[in-house]
N, C-alpha and C. Protein backbone atom coordinates (compact mmCIF):
# COMPACT_ATOMS: atom_id res chain seq x y z
N ASN A 1 143.16 113.04 133.36
CA ASN A 1 144.48 112.63 133.83
C ASN A 1 145.46 112.53 132.67
N ALA A 2 145.01 111.99 131.53
CA ALA A 2 145.89 111.86 130.38
C ALA A 2 146.41 113.22 129.93
N LEU A 3 145.52 114.19 129.82
CA LEU A 3 145.93 115.53 129.39
C LEU A 3 146.92 116.15 130.38
N ALA A 4 146.69 115.94 131.66
CA ALA A 4 147.60 116.47 132.69
C ALA A 4 148.99 115.87 132.56
N LEU A 5 149.07 114.65 132.03
CA LEU A 5 150.36 113.98 131.82
C LEU A 5 150.96 114.31 130.46
N GLY A 6 150.27 115.15 129.68
CA GLY A 6 150.76 115.49 128.36
C GLY A 6 150.44 114.45 127.30
N LEU A 7 149.46 113.59 127.59
CA LEU A 7 149.07 112.55 126.65
C LEU A 7 147.78 112.92 125.96
N GLN A 8 147.67 112.56 124.71
CA GLN A 8 146.47 112.84 123.93
C GLN A 8 145.67 111.55 123.78
N PRO A 9 144.51 111.45 124.42
CA PRO A 9 143.68 110.26 124.24
C PRO A 9 143.12 110.21 122.82
N ASN A 10 143.11 109.03 122.24
CA ASN A 10 142.49 108.83 120.93
C ASN A 10 141.02 108.50 121.08
N VAL A 11 140.69 107.75 122.16
CA VAL A 11 139.33 107.27 122.37
C VAL A 11 138.98 107.42 123.85
N VAL A 12 137.75 107.85 124.10
CA VAL A 12 137.20 107.86 125.46
C VAL A 12 136.00 106.92 125.43
N ILE A 13 135.98 105.96 126.35
CA ILE A 13 134.95 104.91 126.35
C ILE A 13 134.26 104.89 127.70
N GLY A 14 132.94 104.75 127.68
CA GLY A 14 132.19 104.58 128.91
C GLY A 14 130.88 105.32 128.89
N ASP A 15 130.27 105.43 130.07
CA ASP A 15 129.00 106.16 130.15
C ASP A 15 129.23 107.66 130.30
N LEU A 16 130.46 108.05 130.54
CA LEU A 16 130.90 109.45 130.63
C LEU A 16 130.20 110.23 131.73
N ASP A 17 129.70 109.51 132.76
CA ASP A 17 128.99 110.17 133.86
C ASP A 17 129.90 111.06 134.70
N SER A 18 131.21 110.83 134.63
CA SER A 18 132.12 111.64 135.44
C SER A 18 132.98 112.57 134.58
N LEU A 19 132.65 112.69 133.30
CA LEU A 19 133.43 113.55 132.41
C LEU A 19 132.84 114.96 132.39
N ASP A 20 133.62 115.91 132.85
CA ASP A 20 133.25 117.32 132.88
C ASP A 20 133.01 117.82 131.45
N GLU A 21 131.99 118.67 131.26
CA GLU A 21 131.64 119.19 129.93
C GLU A 21 132.78 120.00 129.30
N ASN A 22 133.49 120.79 130.11
CA ASN A 22 134.62 121.55 129.57
C ASN A 22 135.71 120.63 129.05
N LEU A 23 135.98 119.57 129.80
CA LEU A 23 136.99 118.61 129.38
C LEU A 23 136.54 117.89 128.11
N ARG A 24 135.26 117.54 128.06
CA ARG A 24 134.75 116.89 126.85
C ARG A 24 134.94 117.80 125.63
N SER A 25 134.65 119.09 125.80
CA SER A 25 134.83 120.05 124.70
C SER A 25 136.29 120.11 124.26
N GLN A 26 137.20 120.13 125.23
CA GLN A 26 138.64 120.13 124.90
C GLN A 26 139.01 118.90 124.08
N LEU A 27 138.51 117.74 124.51
CA LEU A 27 138.83 116.49 123.82
C LEU A 27 138.21 116.46 122.43
N GLU A 28 137.00 116.96 122.29
CA GLU A 28 136.36 117.01 120.98
C GLU A 28 137.16 117.89 120.02
N LYS A 29 137.67 119.02 120.51
CA LYS A 29 138.48 119.91 119.68
C LYS A 29 139.78 119.22 119.23
N ARG A 30 140.23 118.26 120.02
CA ARG A 30 141.45 117.52 119.68
C ARG A 30 141.14 116.26 118.87
N HIS A 31 139.90 116.14 118.41
CA HIS A 31 139.45 115.03 117.54
C HIS A 31 139.51 113.67 118.24
N CYS A 32 139.23 113.67 119.53
CA CYS A 32 139.14 112.42 120.29
C CYS A 32 137.83 111.74 119.94
N GLN A 33 137.88 110.43 119.75
CA GLN A 33 136.67 109.65 119.47
C GLN A 33 135.99 109.29 120.79
N PHE A 34 134.65 109.36 120.81
CA PHE A 34 133.89 109.00 121.99
C PHE A 34 133.05 107.77 121.68
N ILE A 35 133.15 106.76 122.51
CA ILE A 35 132.29 105.58 122.41
C ILE A 35 131.46 105.57 123.69
N VAL A 36 130.22 106.01 123.57
CA VAL A 36 129.36 106.22 124.73
C VAL A 36 128.46 105.00 124.95
N HIS A 37 128.43 104.55 126.19
CA HIS A 37 127.58 103.43 126.61
C HIS A 37 126.56 103.95 127.62
N PRO A 38 125.44 103.27 127.75
CA PRO A 38 124.45 103.70 128.75
C PRO A 38 125.00 103.50 130.17
N ALA A 39 124.48 104.29 131.10
CA ALA A 39 124.90 104.16 132.49
C ALA A 39 124.50 102.80 133.07
N ARG A 40 123.35 102.29 132.64
CA ARG A 40 122.88 100.98 133.11
C ARG A 40 123.45 99.92 132.16
N LYS A 41 124.54 99.28 132.59
CA LYS A 41 125.22 98.29 131.76
C LYS A 41 125.82 97.23 132.66
N ASP A 42 126.27 96.14 132.05
CA ASP A 42 126.82 95.02 132.82
C ASP A 42 128.32 95.12 133.06
N GLU A 43 129.02 96.02 132.38
CA GLU A 43 130.47 96.15 132.50
C GLU A 43 130.82 97.52 133.08
N THR A 44 131.98 97.58 133.72
CA THR A 44 132.50 98.88 134.12
C THR A 44 133.11 99.55 132.89
N ASP A 45 133.35 100.85 132.99
CA ASP A 45 133.98 101.56 131.88
C ASP A 45 135.36 100.97 131.57
N LEU A 46 136.11 100.57 132.61
CA LEU A 46 137.43 99.98 132.37
C LEU A 46 137.32 98.67 131.59
N GLU A 47 136.35 97.84 131.96
CA GLU A 47 136.19 96.58 131.23
C GLU A 47 135.86 96.85 129.76
N LEU A 48 135.02 97.83 129.50
CA LEU A 48 134.70 98.20 128.12
C LEU A 48 135.96 98.67 127.38
N ALA A 49 136.79 99.44 128.06
CA ALA A 49 138.03 99.94 127.44
C ALA A 49 139.00 98.80 127.16
N VAL A 50 139.12 97.86 128.11
CA VAL A 50 140.01 96.71 127.92
C VAL A 50 139.53 95.87 126.73
N LYS A 51 138.25 95.62 126.66
CA LYS A 51 137.71 94.82 125.55
C LYS A 51 137.90 95.54 124.22
N PHE A 52 137.73 96.86 124.21
CA PHE A 52 137.96 97.64 122.99
C PHE A 52 139.42 97.51 122.56
N ALA A 53 140.34 97.62 123.50
CA ALA A 53 141.77 97.51 123.17
C ALA A 53 142.09 96.13 122.60
N MET A 54 141.47 95.08 123.16
CA MET A 54 141.68 93.73 122.62
C MET A 54 141.16 93.64 121.19
N GLU A 55 139.99 94.21 120.94
CA GLU A 55 139.41 94.19 119.59
C GLU A 55 140.30 94.93 118.60
N GLN A 56 141.05 95.92 119.07
CA GLN A 56 141.96 96.67 118.21
C GLN A 56 143.30 95.98 118.02
N GLY A 57 143.48 94.82 118.68
CA GLY A 57 144.71 94.04 118.51
C GLY A 57 145.82 94.38 119.48
N ALA A 58 145.50 94.99 120.60
CA ALA A 58 146.54 95.35 121.58
C ALA A 58 147.28 94.11 122.05
N GLN A 59 148.60 94.21 122.12
CA GLN A 59 149.45 93.14 122.64
C GLN A 59 149.95 93.46 124.04
N GLU A 60 149.80 94.71 124.44
CA GLU A 60 150.24 95.17 125.75
C GLU A 60 149.30 96.27 126.21
N MET A 61 148.95 96.26 127.50
CA MET A 61 148.11 97.31 128.06
C MET A 61 148.71 97.77 129.39
N LEU A 62 148.82 99.06 129.53
CA LEU A 62 149.21 99.67 130.80
C LEU A 62 147.99 100.43 131.29
N ILE A 63 147.48 100.03 132.43
CA ILE A 63 146.26 100.61 132.97
C ILE A 63 146.64 101.57 134.10
N LEU A 64 146.25 102.82 133.94
CA LEU A 64 146.52 103.85 134.94
C LEU A 64 145.21 104.28 135.57
N GLY A 65 145.25 104.69 136.82
CA GLY A 65 144.07 105.21 137.48
C GLY A 65 143.06 104.15 137.87
N ALA A 66 143.49 102.91 138.02
CA ALA A 66 142.56 101.81 138.33
C ALA A 66 142.45 101.53 139.82
N LEU A 67 143.32 102.15 140.62
CA LEU A 67 143.29 101.95 142.07
C LEU A 67 142.86 103.28 142.68
N GLY A 68 141.83 103.25 143.48
CA GLY A 68 141.34 104.52 143.98
C GLY A 68 140.61 104.43 145.29
N GLU A 69 139.67 105.34 145.45
CA GLU A 69 138.96 105.47 146.72
C GLU A 69 137.91 104.41 146.94
N ARG A 70 137.35 103.83 145.88
CA ARG A 70 136.28 102.85 146.04
C ARG A 70 136.87 101.45 145.99
N LEU A 71 136.78 100.74 147.10
CA LEU A 71 137.33 99.39 147.18
C LEU A 71 136.68 98.45 146.17
N ASP A 72 135.37 98.57 145.95
CA ASP A 72 134.69 97.69 145.01
C ASP A 72 135.25 97.85 143.60
N HIS A 73 135.46 99.09 143.18
CA HIS A 73 136.02 99.33 141.84
C HIS A 73 137.48 98.89 141.78
N THR A 74 138.24 99.16 142.83
CA THR A 74 139.64 98.76 142.85
C THR A 74 139.76 97.25 142.69
N LEU A 75 139.00 96.49 143.49
CA LEU A 75 139.05 95.03 143.40
C LEU A 75 138.58 94.54 142.03
N ALA A 76 137.50 95.11 141.53
CA ALA A 76 136.99 94.72 140.21
C ALA A 76 138.03 95.00 139.13
N ASN A 77 138.71 96.14 139.22
CA ASN A 77 139.73 96.48 138.23
C ASN A 77 140.89 95.49 138.27
N VAL A 78 141.33 95.14 139.47
CA VAL A 78 142.43 94.17 139.60
C VAL A 78 141.99 92.80 139.08
N LEU A 79 140.77 92.40 139.40
CA LEU A 79 140.28 91.09 138.97
C LEU A 79 140.05 91.02 137.46
N LEU A 80 139.94 92.17 136.79
CA LEU A 80 139.84 92.15 135.32
C LEU A 80 141.06 91.49 134.70
N LEU A 81 142.20 91.54 135.40
CA LEU A 81 143.41 90.90 134.87
C LEU A 81 143.21 89.41 134.62
N ALA A 82 142.23 88.81 135.31
CA ALA A 82 141.98 87.38 135.18
C ALA A 82 141.08 87.02 134.00
N LEU A 83 140.64 88.01 133.21
CA LEU A 83 139.82 87.69 132.05
C LEU A 83 140.54 86.68 131.17
N PRO A 84 139.90 85.57 130.83
CA PRO A 84 140.57 84.56 130.00
C PRO A 84 141.07 85.12 128.66
N GLU A 85 140.36 86.12 128.12
CA GLU A 85 140.76 86.70 126.84
C GLU A 85 142.10 87.44 126.92
N LEU A 86 142.55 87.75 128.12
CA LEU A 86 143.81 88.46 128.29
C LEU A 86 145.01 87.53 128.45
N ARG A 87 144.78 86.24 128.33
CA ARG A 87 145.83 85.25 128.59
C ARG A 87 147.13 85.54 127.83
N PHE A 88 147.04 85.98 126.59
CA PHE A 88 148.24 86.18 125.78
C PHE A 88 148.59 87.65 125.57
N ILE A 89 148.01 88.51 126.40
CA ILE A 89 148.28 89.94 126.32
C ILE A 89 148.92 90.37 127.64
N GLN A 90 150.00 91.12 127.54
CA GLN A 90 150.66 91.62 128.74
C GLN A 90 149.88 92.82 129.27
N VAL A 91 149.30 92.67 130.45
CA VAL A 91 148.49 93.74 131.05
C VAL A 91 149.03 94.04 132.44
N ARG A 92 149.28 95.32 132.68
CA ARG A 92 149.79 95.76 133.98
C ARG A 92 148.99 96.95 134.46
N ILE A 93 148.73 96.96 135.74
CA ILE A 93 148.13 98.12 136.40
C ILE A 93 149.26 98.87 137.07
N LEU A 94 149.36 100.16 136.78
CA LEU A 94 150.41 100.99 137.37
C LEU A 94 149.76 102.09 138.20
N ASP A 95 150.32 102.30 139.38
CA ASP A 95 149.82 103.36 140.26
C ASP A 95 150.98 103.82 141.13
N GLY A 96 151.59 104.94 140.75
CA GLY A 96 152.75 105.42 141.50
C GLY A 96 153.87 104.40 141.46
N ARG A 97 154.33 103.99 142.62
CA ARG A 97 155.41 103.01 142.70
C ARG A 97 154.90 101.57 142.63
N GLN A 98 153.58 101.40 142.57
CA GLN A 98 152.99 100.06 142.56
C GLN A 98 152.71 99.58 141.14
N GLU A 99 152.90 98.28 140.96
CA GLU A 99 152.64 97.64 139.67
C GLU A 99 152.00 96.29 139.97
N ALA A 100 150.93 95.96 139.26
CA ALA A 100 150.24 94.69 139.47
C ALA A 100 150.00 94.02 138.13
N PHE A 101 150.19 92.69 138.11
CA PHE A 101 149.92 91.90 136.91
C PHE A 101 149.67 90.47 137.33
N LEU A 102 149.12 89.71 136.41
CA LEU A 102 148.76 88.32 136.68
C LEU A 102 149.83 87.38 136.17
N ILE A 103 150.13 86.34 136.96
CA ILE A 103 151.05 85.29 136.52
C ILE A 103 150.22 84.03 136.32
N ARG A 104 150.14 83.59 135.07
CA ARG A 104 149.39 82.38 134.74
C ARG A 104 150.31 81.16 134.65
N ASP A 105 151.48 81.35 134.09
CA ASP A 105 152.45 80.26 133.93
C ASP A 105 153.78 80.64 134.57
N GLU A 106 154.42 81.67 133.99
CA GLU A 106 155.69 82.13 134.55
C GLU A 106 155.89 83.59 134.21
N ALA A 107 156.73 84.24 134.99
CA ALA A 107 156.99 85.66 134.77
C ALA A 107 158.40 86.00 135.20
N LEU A 108 158.99 86.92 134.47
CA LEU A 108 160.26 87.53 134.83
C LEU A 108 159.90 88.90 135.42
N ILE A 109 160.31 89.13 136.64
CA ILE A 109 159.95 90.35 137.36
C ILE A 109 161.20 91.20 137.48
N GLU A 110 161.12 92.42 136.94
CA GLU A 110 162.27 93.31 136.95
C GLU A 110 162.05 94.43 137.95
N GLY A 111 163.12 94.74 138.66
CA GLY A 111 163.06 95.80 139.65
C GLY A 111 164.44 96.07 140.20
N GLN A 112 164.47 96.55 141.42
CA GLN A 112 165.72 96.80 142.11
C GLN A 112 165.80 95.90 143.33
N VAL A 113 167.01 95.57 143.72
CA VAL A 113 167.20 94.83 144.96
C VAL A 113 166.51 95.62 146.07
N GLY A 114 165.68 94.96 146.85
CA GLY A 114 164.95 95.60 147.93
C GLY A 114 163.52 95.95 147.59
N ASP A 115 163.14 95.90 146.30
CA ASP A 115 161.74 96.11 145.95
C ASP A 115 160.89 95.03 146.62
N THR A 116 159.67 95.38 146.97
CA THR A 116 158.75 94.45 147.62
C THR A 116 157.88 93.77 146.57
N LEU A 117 157.76 92.45 146.69
CA LEU A 117 156.91 91.67 145.79
C LEU A 117 155.96 90.83 146.64
N SER A 118 154.68 90.98 146.37
CA SER A 118 153.67 90.13 147.01
C SER A 118 153.04 89.26 145.94
N LEU A 119 152.83 88.00 146.27
CA LEU A 119 152.19 87.03 145.39
C LEU A 119 150.89 86.58 146.05
N LEU A 120 149.76 86.91 145.40
CA LEU A 120 148.45 86.63 145.97
C LEU A 120 147.70 85.64 145.09
N PRO A 121 147.25 84.52 145.66
CA PRO A 121 146.51 83.54 144.86
C PRO A 121 145.13 84.05 144.48
N LEU A 122 144.77 83.84 143.22
CA LEU A 122 143.42 84.19 142.75
C LEU A 122 142.66 82.92 142.43
N ALA A 123 142.88 81.91 143.22
CA ALA A 123 142.19 80.63 143.13
C ALA A 123 142.20 80.05 144.54
N GLU A 124 141.39 79.03 144.78
CA GLU A 124 141.36 78.43 146.11
C GLU A 124 142.75 78.02 146.57
N LYS A 125 143.52 77.46 145.63
CA LYS A 125 144.93 77.21 145.91
C LYS A 125 145.70 77.27 144.60
N VAL A 126 146.93 77.78 144.70
CA VAL A 126 147.84 77.85 143.57
C VAL A 126 149.02 76.95 143.92
N THR A 127 149.31 76.00 143.04
CA THR A 127 150.31 74.99 143.35
C THR A 127 151.48 75.03 142.38
N GLY A 128 152.54 74.32 142.76
CA GLY A 128 153.71 74.21 141.90
C GLY A 128 154.42 75.54 141.70
N ILE A 129 154.50 76.33 142.76
CA ILE A 129 155.12 77.65 142.65
C ILE A 129 156.62 77.54 142.93
N TYR A 130 157.41 78.06 141.99
CA TYR A 130 158.86 78.12 142.12
C TYR A 130 159.27 79.58 141.97
N THR A 131 160.14 80.05 142.86
CA THR A 131 160.62 81.42 142.75
C THR A 131 162.13 81.45 142.83
N GLU A 132 162.71 82.44 142.15
CA GLU A 132 164.15 82.71 142.22
C GLU A 132 164.33 84.22 142.34
N GLY A 133 165.38 84.64 143.00
CA GLY A 133 165.67 86.07 143.13
C GLY A 133 164.87 86.77 144.20
N LEU A 134 164.30 85.98 145.12
CA LEU A 134 163.52 86.54 146.22
C LEU A 134 164.10 86.10 147.55
N GLU A 135 163.91 86.91 148.57
CA GLU A 135 164.42 86.57 149.90
C GLU A 135 163.82 85.26 150.40
N TYR A 136 162.52 85.10 150.25
CA TYR A 136 161.85 83.87 150.68
C TYR A 136 161.47 83.09 149.43
N ARG A 137 162.20 82.01 149.18
CA ARG A 137 161.99 81.21 147.97
C ARG A 137 160.89 80.19 148.19
N LEU A 138 160.26 79.84 147.11
CA LEU A 138 159.31 78.72 147.11
C LEU A 138 159.82 77.69 146.11
N GLU A 139 159.79 76.44 146.51
CA GLU A 139 160.12 75.34 145.62
C GLU A 139 158.98 74.36 145.68
N ASN A 140 158.21 74.32 144.61
CA ASN A 140 156.99 73.51 144.55
C ASN A 140 156.03 73.92 145.67
N GLY A 141 155.95 75.22 145.91
CA GLY A 141 155.13 75.76 146.98
C GLY A 141 153.66 75.86 146.60
N THR A 142 152.84 76.05 147.62
CA THR A 142 151.40 76.23 147.45
C THR A 142 150.97 77.45 148.25
N LEU A 143 150.17 78.31 147.62
CA LEU A 143 149.57 79.44 148.31
C LEU A 143 148.06 79.27 148.26
N TYR A 144 147.41 79.53 149.39
CA TYR A 144 145.97 79.34 149.51
C TYR A 144 145.27 80.69 149.58
N LEU A 145 144.08 80.75 149.00
CA LEU A 145 143.26 81.95 149.05
C LEU A 145 142.87 82.21 150.50
N GLY A 146 143.19 83.38 151.00
CA GLY A 146 142.86 83.73 152.38
C GLY A 146 144.10 84.03 153.20
N PRO A 147 144.93 83.01 153.52
CA PRO A 147 146.13 83.29 154.31
C PRO A 147 147.07 84.25 153.57
N THR A 148 147.87 84.98 154.33
CA THR A 148 148.69 86.06 153.78
C THR A 148 150.15 85.67 153.57
N ARG A 149 150.43 84.41 153.37
CA ARG A 149 151.82 83.93 153.27
C ARG A 149 152.61 84.60 152.15
N GLY A 150 151.99 84.98 151.04
CA GLY A 150 152.73 85.52 149.90
C GLY A 150 152.99 87.02 149.95
N ILE A 151 152.67 87.66 151.06
CA ILE A 151 152.80 89.12 151.17
C ILE A 151 154.23 89.52 151.54
N SER A 152 154.70 90.62 150.95
CA SER A 152 155.92 91.33 151.35
C SER A 152 157.20 90.52 151.27
N ASN A 153 157.44 89.89 150.13
CA ASN A 153 158.74 89.29 149.86
C ASN A 153 159.63 90.39 149.31
N THR A 154 160.92 90.13 149.15
CA THR A 154 161.86 91.15 148.72
C THR A 154 162.73 90.63 147.59
N LEU A 155 162.92 91.46 146.56
CA LEU A 155 163.83 91.09 145.48
C LEU A 155 165.27 91.13 146.00
N THR A 156 166.00 90.06 145.71
CA THR A 156 167.41 89.99 146.08
C THR A 156 168.31 90.16 144.86
N ALA A 157 167.69 90.36 143.72
CA ALA A 157 168.41 90.56 142.46
C ALA A 157 167.55 91.48 141.59
N PRO A 158 168.14 92.09 140.54
CA PRO A 158 167.36 92.97 139.67
C PRO A 158 166.27 92.23 138.89
N GLN A 159 166.38 90.91 138.82
CA GLN A 159 165.34 90.11 138.17
C GLN A 159 164.98 88.94 139.07
N ALA A 160 163.70 88.70 139.17
CA ALA A 160 163.21 87.52 139.90
C ALA A 160 162.37 86.71 138.92
N LYS A 161 162.29 85.42 139.17
CA LYS A 161 161.48 84.55 138.33
C LYS A 161 160.43 83.87 139.20
N VAL A 162 159.23 83.79 138.65
CA VAL A 162 158.15 83.08 139.33
C VAL A 162 157.50 82.15 138.31
N ARG A 163 157.35 80.90 138.70
CA ARG A 163 156.69 79.92 137.84
C ARG A 163 155.54 79.30 138.62
N VAL A 164 154.41 79.10 137.94
CA VAL A 164 153.21 78.55 138.56
C VAL A 164 152.83 77.26 137.85
N GLY A 165 152.57 76.22 138.64
CA GLY A 165 152.13 74.95 138.05
C GLY A 165 150.65 75.00 137.71
N GLN A 166 149.82 75.37 138.69
CA GLN A 166 148.38 75.43 138.47
C GLN A 166 147.78 76.56 139.29
N GLY A 167 146.94 77.39 138.63
CA GLY A 167 146.27 78.49 139.29
C GLY A 167 146.76 79.82 138.79
N LEU A 168 146.26 80.87 139.39
CA LEU A 168 146.59 82.24 139.00
C LEU A 168 147.17 82.98 140.19
N LEU A 169 148.27 83.70 139.97
CA LEU A 169 148.87 84.51 141.01
C LEU A 169 148.81 85.97 140.60
N LEU A 170 148.39 86.82 141.50
CA LEU A 170 148.48 88.25 141.30
C LEU A 170 149.82 88.69 141.87
N ALA A 171 150.66 89.31 141.04
CA ALA A 171 151.93 89.85 141.50
C ALA A 171 151.76 91.34 141.71
N VAL A 172 152.17 91.81 142.87
CA VAL A 172 152.14 93.24 143.18
C VAL A 172 153.56 93.64 143.59
N ILE A 173 154.14 94.55 142.80
CA ILE A 173 155.49 95.03 143.07
C ILE A 173 155.38 96.45 143.59
N ILE A 174 156.11 96.73 144.65
CA ILE A 174 156.23 98.10 145.14
C ILE A 174 157.69 98.48 144.93
N HIS A 175 157.91 99.33 143.94
CA HIS A 175 159.26 99.75 143.59
C HIS A 175 159.76 100.78 144.59
N LYS A 176 161.05 100.74 144.89
CA LYS A 176 161.66 101.70 145.81
C LYS A 176 161.61 103.09 145.24
């Protein structure tokens, strides 16, 4: 995918079970580094890549290709955002017009008026939620794991603010 986008990967990490031999040869000719792990491991390839990026001092990560056909992998990839080690690193999953990231304390959300924003609790309950710049505001609100109350809000300004008192919120933006 990176090559198709005109990007040159520096490192390929994982068990490489889905890497075509021709593509591997192309990457080797371009001096790409390979960090190969066994197929039988406790982490997904994405988790290994995220941890490698943290070890290299990454302050920001944009994750592409994390949402796909397998629901188990998609959910696991999204839940990786909750790794405690990522607390001070800006990590976003991008997929077409969709963007997902975790809100631990507060976030400034940029988009266009009319963009859709869903706030999903990643804890039994998330409390002390304040929002600005959204059609449906919360003031000291609570969202519970399970009910769908935080789905499909709308930006009413180019910037929205979300603040969380306690818990973790997954923000999913669908840009127009």
